[in-house]
Protein backbone atom coordinates (compact mmCIF):
# COMPACT_ATOMS: atom_id res chain seq x y z
CA MET A 1 66.93 108.07 65.86
CA THR A 2 68.32 105.86 68.34
CA VAL A 3 66.57 106.89 71.39
CA GLY A 4 63.26 106.57 70.38
CA PRO A 5 62.86 102.69 70.71
CA LYS A 6 64.68 103.27 73.91
CA ILE A 7 61.60 105.44 74.96
CA ILE A 8 58.62 104.02 72.81
CA ASN A 9 58.82 100.32 74.00
CA GLU A 10 56.24 97.03 73.92
CA GLN A 11 54.98 98.26 77.38
CA SER A 12 54.24 102.28 76.35
CA ARG A 13 52.84 100.74 73.29
CA ALA A 14 50.29 98.83 75.49
CA ALA A 15 50.06 101.86 77.82
CA MET A 16 49.06 103.79 74.31
CA LYS A 17 47.09 101.13 72.97
CA GLU A 18 44.82 100.78 76.36
CA ALA A 19 44.31 104.50 76.32
CA LEU A 20 42.70 104.85 72.61
CA ASP A 21 40.63 101.49 73.67
CA ARG A 22 39.44 103.89 76.63
CA ILE A 23 38.95 106.45 74.54
CA GLN A 24 37.22 104.58 71.63
CA SER A 25 34.67 102.52 73.80
CA GLY A 26 33.51 105.89 75.35
CA GLU A 27 34.94 104.99 79.16
CA PHE A 28 37.31 107.72 79.05
CA ALA A 29 34.34 110.35 78.06
CA LYS A 30 32.00 109.02 80.70
CA GLU A 31 35.09 109.27 83.06
CA PHE A 32 35.93 113.15 82.39
CA VAL A 33 32.07 114.37 82.24
CA LEU A 34 32.01 112.77 85.70
CA GLU A 35 34.83 114.01 86.89
CA GLY A 36 33.44 117.60 85.93
CA LYS A 37 29.99 116.59 87.54
CA VAL A 38 31.35 116.55 91.41
CA ASN A 39 33.64 119.33 91.01
CA SER A 40 36.94 117.94 89.25
CA PRO A 41 38.71 116.19 92.60
CA VAL A 42 41.04 114.39 90.69
CA LEU A 43 41.68 117.43 88.33
CA LYS A 44 42.27 119.85 91.06
CA ALA A 45 44.20 117.04 93.27
CA MET A 46 46.81 116.38 90.13
CA GLU A 47 46.81 120.63 89.60
CA ARG A 48 47.89 121.16 93.62
CA ARG A 49 50.89 118.48 93.36
CA GLU A 50 51.91 120.13 89.87
CA HIS A 51 52.10 123.51 91.63
CA GLU A 52 53.86 122.10 94.78
CA HIS A 53 56.28 120.12 92.61
CA GLU A 54 60.13 121.27 93.59
CA ILE A 55 60.74 122.39 89.63
CA GLU A 56 57.92 124.95 90.00
CA VAL A 57 58.48 126.22 93.44
CA VAL A 58 62.07 126.76 92.21
CA GLY A 59 60.84 128.35 89.13
CA ARG A 60 58.73 130.35 90.68
CA GLU A 61 61.86 131.42 93.14
CA LEU A 62 63.88 131.85 90.20
CA ARG A 63 61.12 134.19 88.16
CA ALA A 64 60.68 136.30 91.49
CA MET A 65 64.69 137.64 91.20
CA MET A 66 64.23 138.71 87.87
CA PRO A 67 62.62 141.97 87.72
CA TRP A 68 62.07 142.22 83.32
CA LEU A 69 59.64 139.46 84.08
CA LYS A 70 57.30 141.40 86.37
CA PRO A 71 53.99 143.29 84.78
CA GLY A 72 54.56 147.14 84.67
């Protein structure tokens, strides 16, 4: 109960309000559609960064050591 106010502060509220404003104005939808029309370069870059993130690399290495996770 005491952690929430430390995490969701005025700065995060302002960021969420800005995101909501972009959604309600249609700006987000326009950006989303345009991203799809040009083969999703921003999304692909985000996915690539996430795939290469240390926690993902370590996770793949750990799962490779767990034969019971492998199909068949």
